[in-house]
Amino acid sequence: MKSCIEIKNLLAGGRVTFNCKLVALNKKSGVLEYILENEYKVNSLILPEGTITYAFYWKDRPFTLYKWFDKNKNILGNYFNIADSIKLTENEFEWRDLIIDILVSPKGVLEVLDEDELPYDLNEKLMKYIENSKNLILREYEFIINETDKLIS
């Protein structure tokens, strides 16, 4: 697989980059693979070292989706990031993280994360975008998870 950089731009400024492998890319979407080098905690979920991440991006959707698997390919969780400004090329996947995330356990338990971290003075249009995106994910997460499961099976 070809190397590709994920660039996550933070709402408060700054950016974080990750070296990934390009799994798929077309005009509307793309998939990256990333292996965790260290244990990582996401709210109630502990991802062990070696966790396999498949990251899904769409140019026309207001979110990204990380699907986490253990070394035996057992699902650990699905993690939606509310996002905008998604740009996909074969060398770089760039997007802006809009703080709120939604974690879905393998049993379908939902956790909406980080709402308390939204700036109180956030522009009204962006706040509405984030709220609408969250509601879209909460309505359609099962369909999206099933759709992406088919792409990597």
N, C-alpha and C. Protein backbone atom coordinates (compact mmCIF):
# COMPACT_ATOMS: atom_id res chain seq x y z
N MET A 1 0.85 -1.19 0.00
CA MET A 1 0.00 0.00 0.00
C MET A 1 0.88 1.25 0.00
N LYS A 2 0.39 2.27 -0.64
CA LYS A 2 1.09 3.55 -0.75
C LYS A 2 0.93 4.36 0.55
N SER A 3 1.98 5.08 0.91
CA SER A 3 1.92 5.96 2.08
C SER A 3 1.07 7.19 1.78
N CYS A 4 0.40 7.68 2.81
CA CYS A 4 -0.45 8.87 2.70
C CYS A 4 -0.46 9.55 4.07
N ILE A 5 -0.50 10.86 4.08
CA ILE A 5 -0.51 11.61 5.34
C ILE A 5 -1.93 12.06 5.65
N GLU A 6 -2.37 11.82 6.87
CA GLU A 6 -3.62 12.40 7.33
C GLU A 6 -3.26 13.69 8.06
N ILE A 7 -3.92 14.78 7.66
CA ILE A 7 -3.71 16.08 8.30
C ILE A 7 -5.02 16.50 8.94
N LYS A 8 -4.99 16.56 10.28
CA LYS A 8 -6.18 16.97 11.02
C LYS A 8 -5.95 18.39 11.51
N ASN A 9 -6.72 19.33 10.96
CA ASN A 9 -6.67 20.72 11.41
C ASN A 9 -7.63 20.90 12.57
N LEU A 10 -7.13 21.52 13.64
CA LEU A 10 -7.93 21.69 14.85
C LEU A 10 -8.71 23.00 14.79
N LEU A 11 -9.91 23.00 15.33
CA LEU A 11 -10.77 24.18 15.31
C LEU A 11 -10.09 25.37 15.99
N ALA A 12 -9.35 25.11 17.06
CA ALA A 12 -8.68 26.19 17.80
C ALA A 12 -7.37 26.62 17.14
N GLY A 13 -7.02 25.99 16.03
CA GLY A 13 -5.74 26.27 15.36
C GLY A 13 -4.79 25.11 15.59
N GLY A 14 -3.79 25.05 14.77
CA GLY A 14 -2.84 23.94 14.86
C GLY A 14 -3.29 22.76 14.04
N ARG A 15 -2.40 21.80 13.94
CA ARG A 15 -2.70 20.60 13.16
C ARG A 15 -1.93 19.42 13.71
N VAL A 16 -2.46 18.25 13.43
CA VAL A 16 -1.83 17.00 13.82
C VAL A 16 -1.73 16.16 12.56
N THR A 17 -0.59 15.49 12.36
CA THR A 17 -0.43 14.65 11.18
C THR A 17 -0.14 13.21 11.58
N PHE A 18 -0.56 12.30 10.72
CA PHE A 18 -0.35 10.88 10.94
C PHE A 18 0.10 10.25 9.63
N ASN A 19 1.10 9.38 9.71
CA ASN A 19 1.55 8.62 8.55
C ASN A 19 0.68 7.37 8.43
N CYS A 20 0.00 7.25 7.30
CA CYS A 20 -0.96 6.17 7.09
C CYS A 20 -0.65 5.44 5.79
N LYS A 21 -1.45 4.44 5.52
CA LYS A 21 -1.40 3.73 4.24
C LYS A 21 -2.70 4.00 3.49
N LEU A 22 -2.59 4.31 2.22
CA LEU A 22 -3.76 4.56 1.38
C LEU A 22 -4.39 3.22 1.00
N VAL A 23 -5.64 3.03 1.37
CA VAL A 23 -6.37 1.81 1.06
C VAL A 23 -7.20 2.01 -0.20
N ALA A 24 -7.89 3.16 -0.31
CA ALA A 24 -8.76 3.42 -1.46
C ALA A 24 -8.95 4.93 -1.60
N LEU A 25 -9.15 5.35 -2.85
CA LEU A 25 -9.44 6.75 -3.14
C LEU A 25 -10.20 6.83 -4.45
N ASN A 26 -11.31 7.59 -4.43
CA ASN A 26 -12.02 7.89 -5.67
C ASN A 26 -12.42 9.36 -5.63
N LYS A 27 -13.26 9.80 -6.54
CA LYS A 27 -13.60 11.22 -6.62
C LYS A 27 -14.36 11.73 -5.40
N LYS A 28 -15.09 10.86 -4.71
CA LYS A 28 -15.93 11.29 -3.60
C LYS A 28 -15.45 10.87 -2.22
N SER A 29 -14.59 9.85 -2.13
CA SER A 29 -14.24 9.32 -0.82
C SER A 29 -12.88 8.64 -0.83
N GLY A 30 -12.43 8.31 0.38
CA GLY A 30 -11.17 7.60 0.51
C GLY A 30 -11.09 6.87 1.83
N VAL A 31 -10.14 5.92 1.90
CA VAL A 31 -9.94 5.12 3.10
C VAL A 31 -8.44 5.04 3.37
N LEU A 32 -8.08 5.25 4.64
CA LEU A 32 -6.70 5.09 5.09
C LEU A 32 -6.64 3.99 6.15
N GLU A 33 -5.45 3.42 6.30
CA GLU A 33 -5.20 2.46 7.37
C GLU A 33 -4.07 3.00 8.25
N TYR A 34 -4.23 2.82 9.56
CA TYR A 34 -3.24 3.28 10.52
C TYR A 34 -3.18 2.27 11.65
N ILE A 35 -1.97 1.93 12.10
CA ILE A 35 -1.78 1.00 13.21
C ILE A 35 -1.30 1.80 14.42
N LEU A 36 -2.01 1.68 15.56
CA LEU A 36 -1.61 2.40 16.78
C LEU A 36 -0.30 1.82 17.32
N GLU A 37 0.64 2.69 17.57
CA GLU A 37 1.94 2.27 18.10
C GLU A 37 1.93 2.17 19.62
N ASN A 38 0.95 2.80 20.26
CA ASN A 38 0.82 2.78 21.72
C ASN A 38 -0.64 2.62 22.09
N GLU A 39 -0.88 2.20 23.33
CA GLU A 39 -2.25 2.15 23.85
C GLU A 39 -2.82 3.57 23.84
N TYR A 40 -4.12 3.67 23.57
CA TYR A 40 -4.75 4.99 23.48
C TYR A 40 -6.15 4.89 24.09
N LYS A 41 -6.50 5.85 24.92
CA LYS A 41 -7.82 5.86 25.57
C LYS A 41 -8.73 6.88 24.88
N VAL A 42 -9.93 6.43 24.53
CA VAL A 42 -10.95 7.28 23.94
C VAL A 42 -12.19 7.15 24.83
N ASN A 43 -12.35 8.11 25.72
CA ASN A 43 -13.46 8.10 26.68
C ASN A 43 -13.50 6.77 27.43
N SER A 44 -14.51 5.94 27.21
CA SER A 44 -14.64 4.68 27.95
C SER A 44 -13.90 3.52 27.28
N LEU A 45 -13.32 3.75 26.11
CA LEU A 45 -12.70 2.70 25.32
C LEU A 45 -11.18 2.79 25.38
N ILE A 46 -10.54 1.66 25.68
CA ILE A 46 -9.08 1.61 25.65
C ILE A 46 -8.67 0.81 24.41
N LEU A 47 -7.92 1.47 23.53
CA LEU A 47 -7.43 0.84 22.31
C LEU A 47 -6.02 0.33 22.58
N PRO A 48 -5.79 -0.97 22.46
CA PRO A 48 -4.45 -1.50 22.75
C PRO A 48 -3.46 -1.16 21.63
N GLU A 49 -2.18 -1.20 22.00
CA GLU A 49 -1.13 -1.07 20.99
C GLU A 49 -1.41 -2.09 19.89
N GLY A 50 -1.21 -1.69 18.64
CA GLY A 50 -1.45 -2.59 17.52
C GLY A 50 -2.86 -2.52 16.96
N THR A 51 -3.72 -1.70 17.57
CA THR A 51 -5.08 -1.53 17.05
C THR A 51 -5.01 -1.06 15.60
N ILE A 52 -5.82 -1.69 14.76
CA ILE A 52 -5.88 -1.34 13.34
C ILE A 52 -7.01 -0.34 13.15
N THR A 53 -6.70 0.80 12.57
CA THR A 53 -7.69 1.83 12.27
C THR A 53 -7.92 1.88 10.77
N TYR A 54 -9.18 1.77 10.36
CA TYR A 54 -9.56 2.11 8.99
C TYR A 54 -10.31 3.42 9.11
N ALA A 55 -9.81 4.44 8.42
CA ALA A 55 -10.38 5.78 8.50
C ALA A 55 -11.06 6.11 7.17
N PHE A 56 -12.33 6.49 7.24
CA PHE A 56 -13.15 6.77 6.07
C PHE A 56 -13.42 8.27 5.98
N TYR A 57 -13.30 8.81 4.77
CA TYR A 57 -13.48 10.24 4.52
C TYR A 57 -14.36 10.39 3.28
N TRP A 58 -15.25 11.38 3.33
CA TRP A 58 -16.11 11.70 2.21
C TRP A 58 -16.05 13.20 1.96
N LYS A 59 -15.96 13.58 0.71
CA LYS A 59 -15.93 15.02 0.39
C LYS A 59 -17.29 15.67 0.61
N ASP A 60 -18.36 14.88 0.54
CA ASP A 60 -19.71 15.45 0.61
C ASP A 60 -20.46 15.06 1.89
N ARG A 61 -19.75 14.63 2.92
CA ARG A 61 -20.39 14.29 4.19
C ARG A 61 -19.72 15.10 5.31
N PRO A 62 -20.47 15.45 6.35
CA PRO A 62 -19.94 16.32 7.40
C PRO A 62 -19.26 15.55 8.54
N PHE A 63 -18.60 14.45 8.20
CA PHE A 63 -17.94 13.65 9.23
C PHE A 63 -16.88 12.76 8.58
N THR A 64 -16.01 12.24 9.44
CA THR A 64 -15.14 11.13 9.09
C THR A 64 -15.52 9.99 10.02
N LEU A 65 -15.05 8.79 9.71
CA LEU A 65 -15.35 7.64 10.55
C LEU A 65 -14.09 6.80 10.71
N TYR A 66 -13.72 6.55 11.96
CA TYR A 66 -12.64 5.61 12.26
C TYR A 66 -13.28 4.32 12.75
N LYS A 67 -12.86 3.20 12.16
CA LYS A 67 -13.29 1.88 12.60
C LYS A 67 -12.06 1.22 13.22
N TRP A 68 -12.18 0.79 14.47
CA TRP A 68 -11.04 0.22 15.19
C TRP A 68 -11.20 -1.28 15.37
N PHE A 69 -10.12 -2.01 15.05
CA PHE A 69 -10.11 -3.47 15.16
C PHE A 69 -8.88 -3.91 15.95
N ASP A 70 -9.03 -5.02 16.70
CA ASP A 70 -7.85 -5.57 17.37
C ASP A 70 -7.05 -6.39 16.36
N LYS A 71 -5.95 -6.97 16.81
CA LYS A 71 -5.05 -7.71 15.90
C LYS A 71 -5.73 -8.92 15.26
N ASN A 72 -6.81 -9.42 15.90
CA ASN A 72 -7.56 -10.56 15.36
C ASN A 72 -8.74 -10.13 14.50
N LYS A 73 -8.80 -8.82 14.18
CA LYS A 73 -9.85 -8.24 13.33
C LYS A 73 -11.22 -8.19 14.01
N ASN A 74 -11.26 -8.24 15.35
CA ASN A 74 -12.50 -8.04 16.09
C ASN A 74 -12.74 -6.55 16.24
N ILE A 75 -13.97 -6.12 16.01
CA ILE A 75 -14.29 -4.69 16.09
C ILE A 75 -14.21 -4.21 17.54
N LEU A 76 -13.54 -3.07 17.73
CA LEU A 76 -13.43 -2.45 19.06
C LEU A 76 -14.36 -1.26 19.19
N GLY A 77 -14.66 -0.60 18.06
CA GLY A 77 -15.54 0.55 18.10
C GLY A 77 -15.55 1.30 16.78
N ASN A 78 -16.55 2.14 16.62
CA ASN A 78 -16.67 3.05 15.49
C ASN A 78 -16.70 4.45 16.06
N TYR A 79 -15.95 5.36 15.43
CA TYR A 79 -15.75 6.69 16.00
C TYR A 79 -15.95 7.74 14.92
N PHE A 80 -17.05 8.48 15.03
CA PHE A 80 -17.36 9.54 14.07
C PHE A 80 -16.76 10.85 14.56
N ASN A 81 -16.09 11.57 13.67
CA ASN A 81 -15.58 12.91 13.93
C ASN A 81 -16.41 13.88 13.10
N ILE A 82 -17.04 14.86 13.71
CA ILE A 82 -17.72 15.89 12.93
C ILE A 82 -16.62 16.73 12.28
N ALA A 83 -16.77 16.97 10.98
CA ALA A 83 -15.67 17.55 10.20
C ALA A 83 -16.18 18.43 9.08
N ASP A 84 -15.28 19.26 8.58
CA ASP A 84 -15.52 19.99 7.33
C ASP A 84 -14.18 20.18 6.64
N SER A 85 -14.20 20.87 5.52
CA SER A 85 -12.99 21.18 4.75
C SER A 85 -12.21 19.91 4.42
N ILE A 86 -12.90 18.88 3.97
CA ILE A 86 -12.26 17.60 3.66
C ILE A 86 -11.70 17.64 2.24
N LYS A 87 -10.40 17.42 2.13
CA LYS A 87 -9.69 17.39 0.83
C LYS A 87 -8.91 16.09 0.76
N LEU A 88 -9.09 15.37 -0.35
CA LEU A 88 -8.47 14.06 -0.49
C LEU A 88 -7.61 14.00 -1.75
N THR A 89 -6.35 13.66 -1.57
CA THR A 89 -5.46 13.37 -2.71
C THR A 89 -4.73 12.08 -2.39
N GLU A 90 -4.03 11.53 -3.34
CA GLU A 90 -3.34 10.26 -3.08
C GLU A 90 -2.19 10.41 -2.08
N ASN A 91 -1.74 11.63 -1.83
CA ASN A 91 -0.65 11.85 -0.88
C ASN A 91 -1.10 12.40 0.47
N GLU A 92 -2.26 13.09 0.50
CA GLU A 92 -2.73 13.74 1.72
C GLU A 92 -4.24 13.70 1.84
N PHE A 93 -4.70 13.37 3.02
CA PHE A 93 -6.11 13.49 3.38
C PHE A 93 -6.15 14.59 4.45
N GLU A 94 -6.79 15.70 4.13
CA GLU A 94 -6.81 16.82 5.06
C GLU A 94 -8.25 17.15 5.43
N TRP A 95 -8.46 17.49 6.70
CA TRP A 95 -9.80 17.81 7.18
C TRP A 95 -9.71 18.65 8.44
N ARG A 96 -10.83 19.31 8.76
CA ARG A 96 -10.89 20.10 9.99
C ARG A 96 -11.78 19.38 10.99
N ASP A 97 -11.24 19.18 12.18
CA ASP A 97 -11.94 18.52 13.28
C ASP A 97 -12.79 19.55 14.00
N LEU A 98 -14.10 19.31 14.06
CA LEU A 98 -15.03 20.25 14.68
C LEU A 98 -15.44 19.80 16.09
N ILE A 99 -14.52 19.18 16.78
CA ILE A 99 -14.55 18.88 18.21
C ILE A 99 -15.48 17.73 18.60
N ILE A 100 -16.75 17.78 18.25
CA ILE A 100 -17.69 16.75 18.72
C ILE A 100 -17.46 15.44 17.98
N ASP A 101 -17.43 14.36 18.78
CA ASP A 101 -17.24 13.01 18.24
C ASP A 101 -18.36 12.13 18.78
N ILE A 102 -18.61 11.05 18.07
CA ILE A 102 -19.61 10.09 18.52
C ILE A 102 -18.98 8.71 18.45
N LEU A 103 -18.88 8.06 19.62
CA LEU A 103 -18.32 6.73 19.75
C LEU A 103 -19.46 5.72 19.78
N VAL A 104 -19.34 4.68 18.97
CA VAL A 104 -20.34 3.61 18.93
C VAL A 104 -19.65 2.31 19.30
N SER A 105 -20.08 1.71 20.40
CA SER A 105 -19.49 0.44 20.85
C SER A 105 -19.92 -0.69 19.92
N PRO A 106 -19.23 -1.83 19.98
CA PRO A 106 -19.65 -2.98 19.16
C PRO A 106 -21.08 -3.43 19.45
N LYS A 107 -21.60 -3.11 20.65
CA LYS A 107 -22.98 -3.47 20.99
C LYS A 107 -23.97 -2.37 20.62
N GLY A 108 -23.49 -1.29 19.98
CA GLY A 108 -24.37 -0.23 19.54
C GLY A 108 -24.64 0.86 20.56
N VAL A 109 -23.88 0.88 21.65
CA VAL A 109 -24.04 1.93 22.66
C VAL A 109 -23.37 3.21 22.13
N LEU A 110 -24.12 4.33 22.18
CA LEU A 110 -23.63 5.61 21.66
C LEU A 110 -23.14 6.51 22.79
N GLU A 111 -22.03 7.19 22.53
CA GLU A 111 -21.53 8.22 23.44
C GLU A 111 -21.20 9.45 22.61
N VAL A 112 -21.86 10.57 22.89
CA VAL A 112 -21.53 11.84 22.25
C VAL A 112 -20.46 12.50 23.11
N LEU A 113 -19.32 12.80 22.50
CA LEU A 113 -18.15 13.27 23.25
C LEU A 113 -17.81 14.72 22.96
N ASP A 114 -17.27 15.38 23.96
CA ASP A 114 -16.60 16.68 23.83
C ASP A 114 -17.52 17.87 23.55
N GLU A 115 -18.82 17.73 23.74
CA GLU A 115 -19.70 18.88 23.52
C GLU A 115 -19.33 20.04 24.43
N ASP A 116 -18.82 19.72 25.61
CA ASP A 116 -18.44 20.77 26.56
C ASP A 116 -17.19 21.53 26.12
N GLU A 117 -16.50 21.04 25.10
CA GLU A 117 -15.29 21.70 24.62
C GLU A 117 -15.55 22.72 23.51
N LEU A 118 -16.78 22.81 23.03
CA LEU A 118 -17.10 23.79 21.99
C LEU A 118 -16.94 25.20 22.56
N PRO A 119 -16.29 26.09 21.82
CA PRO A 119 -16.14 27.47 22.30
C PRO A 119 -17.52 28.13 22.45
N TYR A 120 -17.70 28.87 23.53
CA TYR A 120 -18.99 29.51 23.78
C TYR A 120 -19.30 30.59 22.74
N ASP A 121 -18.26 31.15 22.11
CA ASP A 121 -18.46 32.23 21.15
C ASP A 121 -18.37 31.75 19.70
N LEU A 122 -18.63 30.45 19.49
CA LEU A 122 -18.57 29.89 18.14
C LEU A 122 -19.61 30.54 17.25
N ASN A 123 -19.22 30.85 16.04
CA ASN A 123 -20.11 31.47 15.06
C ASN A 123 -21.38 30.61 14.88
N GLU A 124 -22.51 31.28 14.78
CA GLU A 124 -23.82 30.62 14.75
C GLU A 124 -23.96 29.65 13.59
N LYS A 125 -23.46 30.02 12.42
CA LYS A 125 -23.54 29.16 11.25
C LYS A 125 -22.77 27.86 11.47
N LEU A 126 -21.57 27.96 12.04
CA LEU A 126 -20.77 26.76 12.31
C LEU A 126 -21.42 25.92 13.40
N MET A 127 -21.98 26.56 14.41
CA MET A 127 -22.67 25.83 15.48
C MET A 127 -23.84 25.02 14.91
N LYS A 128 -24.59 25.63 14.01
CA LYS A 128 -25.72 24.94 13.38
C LYS A 128 -25.22 23.76 12.53
N TYR A 129 -24.12 23.96 11.81
CA TYR A 129 -23.51 22.89 11.00
C TYR A 129 -23.14 21.70 11.90
N ILE A 130 -22.51 21.98 13.03
CA ILE A 130 -22.09 20.93 13.96
C ILE A 130 -23.31 20.21 14.52
N GLU A 131 -24.32 20.95 14.93
CA GLU A 131 -25.54 20.34 15.49
C GLU A 131 -26.25 19.48 14.45
N ASN A 132 -26.39 19.99 13.23
CA ASN A 132 -27.04 19.21 12.16
C ASN A 132 -26.24 17.96 11.83
N SER A 133 -24.91 18.06 11.85
CA SER A 133 -24.05 16.91 11.56
C SER A 133 -24.19 15.85 12.65
N LYS A 134 -24.20 16.28 13.89
CA LYS A 134 -24.38 15.35 15.02
C LYS A 134 -25.71 14.61 14.87
N ASN A 135 -26.78 15.35 14.58
CA ASN A 135 -28.10 14.73 14.43
C ASN A 135 -28.15 13.75 13.27
N LEU A 136 -27.47 14.08 12.17
CA LEU A 136 -27.39 13.18 11.01
C LEU A 136 -26.72 11.86 11.42
N ILE A 137 -25.60 11.94 12.12
CA ILE A 137 -24.90 10.74 12.56
C ILE A 137 -25.77 9.92 13.50
N LEU A 138 -26.41 10.57 14.46
CA LEU A 138 -27.27 9.85 15.42
C LEU A 138 -28.43 9.14 14.73
N ARG A 139 -28.92 9.72 13.64
CA ARG A 139 -30.02 9.09 12.88
C ARG A 139 -29.53 7.94 12.01
N GLU A 140 -28.34 8.09 11.41
CA GLU A 140 -27.92 7.17 10.34
C GLU A 140 -26.69 6.34 10.65
N TYR A 141 -26.22 6.34 11.90
CA TYR A 141 -24.96 5.65 12.21
C TYR A 141 -24.99 4.17 11.84
N GLU A 142 -26.11 3.49 12.06
CA GLU A 142 -26.17 2.05 11.74
C GLU A 142 -25.97 1.81 10.25
N PHE A 143 -26.63 2.60 9.41
CA PHE A 143 -26.48 2.48 7.96
C PHE A 143 -25.03 2.75 7.56
N ILE A 144 -24.42 3.81 8.10
CA ILE A 144 -23.05 4.19 7.74
C ILE A 144 -22.06 3.11 8.17
N ILE A 145 -22.25 2.57 9.37
CA ILE A 145 -21.36 1.50 9.84
C ILE A 145 -21.48 0.27 8.95
N ASN A 146 -22.70 -0.12 8.60
CA ASN A 146 -22.90 -1.27 7.71
C ASN A 146 -22.29 -1.01 6.33
N GLU A 147 -22.49 0.20 5.82
CA GLU A 147 -21.95 0.58 4.52
C GLU A 147 -20.41 0.45 4.51
N THR A 148 -19.76 0.93 5.55
CA THR A 148 -18.30 0.90 5.60
C THR A 148 -17.78 -0.50 5.92
N ASP A 149 -18.53 -1.30 6.67
CA ASP A 149 -18.13 -2.69 6.92
C ASP A 149 -17.97 -3.43 5.59
N LYS A 150 -18.88 -3.20 4.67
CA LYS A 150 -18.83 -3.87 3.36
C LYS A 150 -17.61 -3.47 2.54
N LEU A 151 -17.12 -2.25 2.76
CA LEU A 151 -15.98 -1.77 1.97
C LEU A 151 -14.65 -2.41 2.40
N ILE A 152 -14.57 -2.90 3.64
CA ILE A 152 -13.31 -3.47 4.10
C ILE A 152 -13.37 -4.97 4.37
N SER A 153 -14.50 -5.59 4.06
CA SER A 153 -14.61 -7.05 4.32
C SER A 153 -14.08 -7.84 3.15
